[in-house]
Amino acid sequence: MQHLPAARNVFGEPLVPCSFEPMTGFFRDGCCRTCDEDKGEHTVCVVMTATFLAFSISCGNDLSTPRLEWGFPGLQPGDQWCLCASRWIEAWRAGVAPAVVLESTNQKMLDVVPLEELRKYAYVRPEE
Protein backbone atom coordinates (compact mmCIF):
# COMPACT_ATOMS: atom_id res chain seq x y z
CA MET A 1 0.00 0.00 0.00
CA GLN A 2 1.29 3.45 -0.84
CA HIS A 3 2.14 5.94 1.90
CA LEU A 4 -0.43 8.73 2.07
CA PRO A 5 0.07 12.15 3.60
CA ALA A 6 -2.16 13.02 6.53
CA ALA A 7 -5.63 13.74 5.17
CA ARG A 8 -7.34 17.04 5.89
CA ASN A 9 -11.01 17.82 6.36
CA VAL A 10 -13.04 20.57 4.68
CA PHE A 11 -11.73 23.06 7.25
CA GLY A 12 -8.09 22.23 6.45
CA GLU A 13 -7.69 20.47 9.81
CA PRO A 14 -6.70 16.82 10.43
CA LEU A 15 -9.43 14.45 9.27
CA VAL A 16 -11.54 13.13 12.15
CA PRO A 17 -12.60 9.46 11.81
CA CYS A 18 -16.09 8.96 10.36
CA SER A 19 -17.01 5.56 11.80
CA PHE A 20 -15.45 2.45 13.29
CA GLU A 21 -18.85 0.77 13.83
CA PRO A 22 -19.56 0.04 11.09
CA MET A 23 -15.99 0.25 9.80
CA THR A 24 -15.93 2.61 6.86
CA GLY A 25 -13.58 4.27 4.39
CA PHE A 26 -11.94 3.15 1.18
CA PHE A 27 -9.10 1.74 3.30
CA ARG A 28 -11.55 0.40 5.93
CA ASP A 29 -9.74 2.40 8.58
CA GLY A 30 -12.71 4.49 9.75
CA CYS A 31 -11.66 7.60 7.82
CA CYS A 32 -12.74 9.15 4.52
CA ARG A 33 -9.21 9.07 3.10
CA THR A 34 -8.72 8.61 -0.64
CA CYS A 35 -6.08 7.84 -3.24
CA ASP A 36 -5.85 7.42 -7.01
CA GLU A 37 -7.17 3.84 -6.74
CA ASP A 38 -10.36 5.09 -5.04
CA LYS A 39 -12.37 5.60 -8.22
CA GLY A 40 -15.54 6.27 -6.18
CA GLU A 41 -13.87 9.02 -4.16
CA HIS A 42 -15.24 7.92 -0.77
CA THR A 43 -14.66 11.39 0.64
CA VAL A 44 -17.90 12.54 2.28
CA CYS A 45 -18.84 11.33 5.76
CA VAL A 46 -22.63 11.14 6.00
CA VAL A 47 -25.28 10.02 8.45
CA MET A 48 -27.57 7.49 6.80
CA THR A 49 -31.32 8.07 6.58
CA ALA A 50 -34.07 5.70 5.44
CA THR A 51 -34.85 8.12 2.59
CA PHE A 52 -31.27 8.14 1.35
CA LEU A 53 -30.89 4.36 1.66
CA ALA A 54 -34.05 3.88 -0.44
CA PHE A 55 -32.72 6.40 -2.98
CA SER A 56 -29.41 4.56 -3.18
CA ILE A 57 -31.22 1.26 -3.84
CA SER A 58 -33.20 2.96 -6.62
CA CYS A 59 -29.87 4.02 -8.16
CA GLY A 60 -28.60 0.43 -8.13
CA ASN A 61 -26.45 0.59 -4.98
CA ASP A 62 -28.03 -1.37 -2.13
CA LEU A 63 -26.26 -0.20 1.01
CA SER A 64 -28.83 -1.78 3.35
CA THR A 65 -28.31 -5.46 2.64
CA PRO A 66 -25.42 -7.14 4.45
CA ARG A 67 -22.76 -8.62 2.16
CA LEU A 68 -20.89 -10.76 4.65
CA GLU A 69 -18.63 -12.21 1.95
CA TRP A 70 -17.21 -8.69 1.57
CA GLY A 71 -17.25 -7.90 5.28
CA PHE A 72 -20.08 -5.42 4.73
CA PRO A 73 -22.68 -5.39 7.54
CA GLY A 74 -25.35 -3.40 5.68
CA LEU A 75 -26.21 0.12 6.76
CA GLN A 76 -29.11 1.42 8.80
CA PRO A 77 -30.45 4.92 9.46
CA GLY A 78 -28.12 6.68 11.88
CA ASP A 79 -24.98 4.88 10.70
CA GLN A 80 -22.11 7.09 9.59
CA TRP A 81 -20.40 6.11 6.34
CA CYS A 82 -17.80 7.42 3.89
CA LEU A 83 -19.96 7.87 0.82
CA CYS A 84 -18.85 8.34 -2.77
CA ALA A 85 -18.82 12.00 -3.76
CA SER A 86 -20.84 11.31 -6.92
CA ARG A 87 -23.63 9.50 -5.00
CA TRP A 88 -23.93 12.38 -2.53
CA ILE A 89 -24.17 14.82 -5.45
CA GLU A 90 -26.89 12.67 -7.08
CA ALA A 91 -28.83 12.64 -3.81
CA TRP A 92 -28.27 16.38 -3.35
CA ARG A 93 -29.70 17.09 -6.81
CA ALA A 94 -32.65 14.78 -6.04
CA GLY A 95 -33.35 16.56 -2.73
CA VAL A 96 -32.50 13.56 -0.52
CA ALA A 97 -28.86 14.19 0.44
CA PRO A 98 -27.93 12.84 3.87
CA ALA A 99 -26.39 15.08 6.51
CA VAL A 100 -22.63 15.61 6.26
CA VAL A 101 -20.20 15.27 9.18
CA LEU A 102 -17.94 18.14 8.13
CA GLU A 103 -14.99 17.42 10.41
CA SER A 104 -14.87 13.88 8.97
CA THR A 105 -15.33 14.86 5.31
CA ASN A 106 -12.18 14.92 3.22
CA GLN A 107 -11.16 18.29 1.76
CA LYS A 108 -11.14 16.59 -1.68
CA MET A 109 -14.94 16.90 -1.54
CA LEU A 110 -14.43 20.64 -1.99
CA ASP A 111 -13.23 19.89 -5.54
CA VAL A 112 -16.84 19.07 -6.44
CA VAL A 113 -19.08 20.83 -3.87
CA PRO A 114 -18.40 24.21 -2.26
CA LEU A 115 -18.08 24.39 1.52
CA GLU A 116 -21.01 26.83 1.68
CA GLU A 117 -23.27 24.14 0.21
CA LEU A 118 -21.91 21.38 2.44
CA ARG A 119 -22.55 23.59 5.48
CA LYS A 120 -26.27 23.58 4.60
CA TYR A 121 -26.23 19.81 5.19
CA ALA A 122 -23.98 19.83 8.26
CA TYR A 123 -24.86 17.17 10.78
CA VAL A 124 -25.65 18.52 14.21
CA ARG A 125 -25.15 15.97 16.95
CA PRO A 126 -28.09 15.64 19.35
CA GLU A 127 -27.53 16.89 22.88
CA GLU A 128 -26.73 14.03 25.21
C-alpha atoms as a PDB file:
ATOM      1  CA  MET A   1       0.000   0.000   0.000  1.00  0.00           C
ATOM      2  CA  GLN A   2       1.289   3.454  -0.836  1.00  0.00           C
ATOM      3  CA  HIS A   3       2.142   5.938   1.902  1.00  0.00           C
ATOM      4  CA  LEU A   4      -0.431   8.725   2.070  1.00  0.00           C
ATOM      5  CA  PRO A   5       0.072  12.151   3.599  1.00  0.00           C
ATOM      6  CA  ALA A   6      -2.158  13.023   6.535  1.00  0.00           C
ATOM      7  CA  ALA A   7      -5.630  13.737   5.174  1.00  0.00           C
ATOM      8  CA  ARG A   8      -7.341  17.044   5.886  1.00  0.00           C
ATOM      9  CA  ASN A   9     -11.006  17.820   6.356  1.00  0.00           C
ATOM     10  CA  VAL A  10     -13.044  20.565   4.678  1.00  0.00           C
ATOM     11  CA  PHE A  11     -11.730  23.065   7.245  1.00  0.00           C
ATOM     12  CA  GLY A  12      -8.086  22.227   6.451  1.00  0.00           C
ATOM     13  CA  GLU A  13      -7.688  20.469   9.810  1.00  0.00           C
ATOM     14  CA  PRO A  14      -6.697  16.824  10.431  1.00  0.00           C
ATOM     15  CA  LEU A  15      -9.425  14.454   9.265  1.00  0.00           C
ATOM     16  CA  VAL A  16     -11.539  13.128  12.148  1.00  0.00           C
ATOM     17  CA  PRO A  17     -12.604   9.458  11.814  1.00  0.00           C
ATOM     18  CA  CYS A  18     -16.085   8.958  10.360  1.00  0.00           C
ATOM     19  CA  SER A  19     -17.009   5.556  11.804  1.00  0.00           C
ATOM     20  CA  PHE A  20     -15.448   2.448  13.287  1.00  0.00           C
ATOM     21  CA  GLU A  21     -18.847   0.769  13.835  1.00  0.00           C
ATOM     22  CA  PRO A  22     -19.562   0.035  11.089  1.00  0.00           C
ATOM     23  CA  MET A  23     -15.991   0.247   9.804  1.00  0.00           C
ATOM     24  CA  THR A  24     -15.928   2.605   6.855  1.00  0.00           C
ATOM     25  CA  GLY A  25     -13.584   4.266   4.387  1.00  0.00           C
ATOM     26  CA  PHE A  26     -11.936   3.147   1.175  1.00  0.00           C
ATOM     27  CA  PHE A  27      -9.104   1.744   3.298  1.00  0.00           C
ATOM     28  CA  ARG A  28     -11.548   0.400   5.934  1.00  0.00           C
ATOM     29  CA  ASP A  29      -9.742   2.404   8.578  1.00  0.00           C
ATOM     30  CA  GLY A  30     -12.711   4.487   9.750  1.00  0.00           C
ATOM     31  CA  CYS A  31     -11.658   7.597   7.820  1.00  0.00           C
ATOM     32  CA  CYS A  32     -12.735   9.150   4.524  1.00  0.00           C
ATOM     33  CA  ARG A  33      -9.213   9.071   3.096  1.00  0.00           C
ATOM     34  CA  THR A  34      -8.725   8.611  -0.639  1.00  0.00           C
ATOM     35  CA  CYS A  35      -6.079   7.841  -3.242  1.00  0.00           C
ATOM     36  CA  ASP A  36      -5.847   7.416  -7.012  1.00  0.00           C
ATOM     37  CA  GLU A  37      -7.167   3.837  -6.740  1.00  0.00           C
ATOM     38  CA  ASP A  38     -10.359   5.086  -5.042  1.00  0.00           C
ATOM     39  CA  LYS A  39     -12.372   5.601  -8.225  1.00  0.00           C
ATOM     40  CA  GLY A  40     -15.542   6.268  -6.185  1.00  0.00           C
ATOM     41  CA  GLU A  41     -13.869   9.016  -4.163  1.00  0.00           C
ATOM     42  CA  HIS A  42     -15.244   7.919  -0.772  1.00  0.00           C
ATOM     43  CA  THR A  43     -14.655  11.393   0.642  1.00  0.00           C
ATOM     44  CA  VAL A  44     -17.899  12.543   2.280  1.00  0.00           C
ATOM     45  CA  CYS A  45     -18.841  11.334   5.756  1.00  0.00           C
ATOM     46  CA  VAL A  46     -22.627  11.139   6.001  1.00  0.00           C
ATOM     47  CA  VAL A  47     -25.283  10.019   8.453  1.00  0.00           C
ATOM     48  CA  MET A  48     -27.571   7.493   6.797  1.00  0.00           C
ATOM     49  CA  THR A  49     -31.320   8.068   6.576  1.00  0.00           C
ATOM     50  CA  ALA A  50     -34.073   5.704   5.442  1.00  0.00           C
ATOM     51  CA  THR A  51     -34.848   8.120   2.587  1.00  0.00           C
ATOM     52  CA  PHE A  52     -31.271   8.140   1.353  1.00  0.00           C
ATOM     53  CA  LEU A  53     -30.894   4.359   1.665  1.00  0.00           C
ATOM     54  CA  ALA A  54     -34.054   3.882  -0.445  1.00  0.00           C
ATOM     55  CA  PHE A  55     -32.721   6.400  -2.981  1.00  0.00           C
ATOM     56  CA  SER A  56     -29.412   4.561  -3.181  1.00  0.00           C
ATOM     57  CA  ILE A  57     -31.223   1.263  -3.840  1.00  0.00           C
ATOM     58  CA  SER A  58     -33.199   2.963  -6.619  1.00  0.00           C
ATOM     59  CA  CYS A  59     -29.867   4.016  -8.163  1.00  0.00           C
ATOM     60  CA  GLY A  60     -28.596   0.427  -8.125  1.00  0.00           C
ATOM     61  CA  ASN A  61     -26.454   0.593  -4.983  1.00  0.00           C
ATOM     62  CA  ASP A  62     -28.026  -1.371  -2.133  1.00  0.00           C
ATOM     63  CA  LEU A  63     -26.262  -0.195   1.010  1.00  0.00           C
ATOM     64  CA  SER A  64     -28.828  -1.776   3.347  1.00  0.00           C
ATOM     65  CA  THR A  65     -28.314  -5.464   2.641  1.00  0.00           C
ATOM     66  CA  PRO A  66     -25.421  -7.138   4.453  1.00  0.00           C
ATOM     67  CA  ARG A  67     -22.757  -8.622   2.164  1.00  0.00           C
ATOM     68  CA  LEU A  68     -20.893 -10.759   4.646  1.00  0.00           C
ATOM     69  CA  GLU A  69     -18.634 -12.210   1.948  1.00  0.00           C
ATOM     70  CA  TRP A  70     -17.208  -8.686   1.566  1.00  0.00           C
ATOM     71  CA  GLY A  71     -17.249  -7.901   5.285  1.00  0.00           C
ATOM     72  CA  PHE A  72     -20.084  -5.416   4.735  1.00  0.00           C
ATOM     73  CA  PRO A  73     -22.684  -5.388   7.541  1.00  0.00           C
ATOM     74  CA  GLY A  74     -25.350  -3.402   5.679  1.00  0.00           C
ATOM     75  CA  LEU A  75     -26.213   0.121   6.757  1.00  0.00           C
ATOM     76  CA  GLN A  76     -29.114   1.425   8.801  1.00  0.00           C
ATOM     77  CA  PRO A  77     -30.452   4.916   9.462  1.00  0.00           C
ATOM     78  CA  GLY A  78     -28.120   6.678  11.881  1.00  0.00           C
ATOM     79  CA  ASP A  79     -24.983   4.876  10.697  1.00  0.00           C
ATOM     80  CA  GLN A  80     -22.107   7.092   9.594  1.00  0.00           C
ATOM     81  CA  TRP A  81     -20.397   6.112   6.343  1.00  0.00           C
ATOM     82  CA  CYS A  82     -17.799   7.418   3.889  1.00  0.00           C
ATOM     83  CA  LEU A  83     -19.958   7.870   0.822  1.00  0.00           C
ATOM     84  CA  CYS A  84     -18.851   8.341  -2.766  1.00  0.00           C
ATOM     85  CA  ALA A  85     -18.824  12.001  -3.761  1.00  0.00           C
ATOM     86  CA  SER A  86     -20.843  11.313  -6.920  1.00  0.00           C
ATOM     87  CA  ARG A  87     -23.629   9.503  -4.997  1.00  0.00           C
ATOM     88  CA  TRP A  88     -23.927  12.383  -2.527  1.00  0.00           C
ATOM     89  CA  ILE A  89     -24.174  14.820  -5.447  1.00  0.00           C
ATOM     90  CA  GLU A  90     -26.887  12.671  -7.078  1.00  0.00           C
ATOM     91  CA  ALA A  91     -28.831  12.638  -3.811  1.00  0.00           C
ATOM     92  CA  TRP A  92     -28.268  16.384  -3.354  1.00  0.00           C
ATOM     93  CA  ARG A  93     -29.704  17.089  -6.805  1.00  0.00           C
ATOM     94  CA  ALA A  94     -32.650  14.784  -6.036  1.00  0.00           C
ATOM     95  CA  GLY A  95     -33.347  16.564  -2.734  1.00  0.00           C
ATOM     96  CA  VAL A  96     -32.500  13.557  -0.525  1.00  0.00           C
ATOM     97  CA  ALA A  97     -28.862  14.192   0.439  1.00  0.00           C
ATOM     98  CA  PRO A  98     -27.934  12.840   3.865  1.00  0.00           C
ATOM     99  CA  ALA A  99     -26.392  15.076   6.515  1.00  0.00           C
ATOM    100  CA  VAL A 100     -22.633  15.614   6.263  1.00  0.00           C
ATOM    101  CA  VAL A 101     -20.202  15.266   9.176  1.00  0.00           C
ATOM    102  CA  LEU A 102     -17.944  18.142   8.130  1.00  0.00           C
ATOM    103  CA  GLU A 103     -14.987  17.418  10.414  1.00  0.00           C
ATOM    104  CA  SER A 104     -14.867  13.884   8.973  1.00  0.00           C
ATOM    105  CA  THR A 105     -15.331  14.862   5.310  1.00  0.00           C
ATOM    106  CA  ASN A 106     -12.175  14.921   3.216  1.00  0.00           C
ATOM    107  CA  GLN A 107     -11.162  18.290   1.760  1.00  0.00           C
ATOM    108  CA  LYS A 108     -11.141  16.586  -1.681  1.00  0.00           C
ATOM    109  CA  MET A 109     -14.938  16.898  -1.536  1.00  0.00           C
ATOM    110  CA  LEU A 110     -14.425  20.644  -1.993  1.00  0.00           C
ATOM    111  CA  ASP A 111     -13.229  19.889  -5.538  1.00  0.00           C
ATOM    112  CA  VAL A 112     -16.837  19.070  -6.444  1.00  0.00           C
ATOM    113  CA  VAL A 113     -19.081  20.825  -3.873  1.00  0.00           C
ATOM    114  CA  PRO A 114     -18.400  24.210  -2.262  1.00  0.00           C
ATOM    115  CA  LEU A 115     -18.081  24.394   1.521  1.00  0.00           C
ATOM    116  CA  GLU A 116     -21.007  26.834   1.678  1.00  0.00           C
ATOM    117  CA  GLU A 117     -23.272  24.138   0.211  1.00  0.00           C
ATOM    118  CA  LEU A 118     -21.909  21.379   2.441  1.00  0.00           C
ATOM    119  CA  ARG A 119     -22.548  23.589   5.482  1.00  0.00           C
ATOM    120  CA  LYS A 120     -26.271  23.576   4.602  1.00  0.00           C
ATOM    121  CA  TYR A 121     -26.228  19.805   5.193  1.00  0.00           C
ATOM    122  CA  ALA A 122     -23.980  19.829   8.258  1.00  0.00           C
ATOM    123  CA  TYR A 123     -24.861  17.167  10.783  1.00  0.00           C
ATOM    124  CA  VAL A 124     -25.653  18.522  14.209  1.00  0.00           C
ATOM    125  CA  ARG A 125     -25.147  15.972  16.952  1.00  0.00           C
ATOM    126  CA  PRO A 126     -28.091  15.637  19.345  1.00  0.00           C
ATOM    127  CA  GLU A 127     -27.529  16.895  22.876  1.00  0.00           C
ATOM    128  CA  GLU A 128     -26.733  14.027  25.213  1.00  0.00           C
END
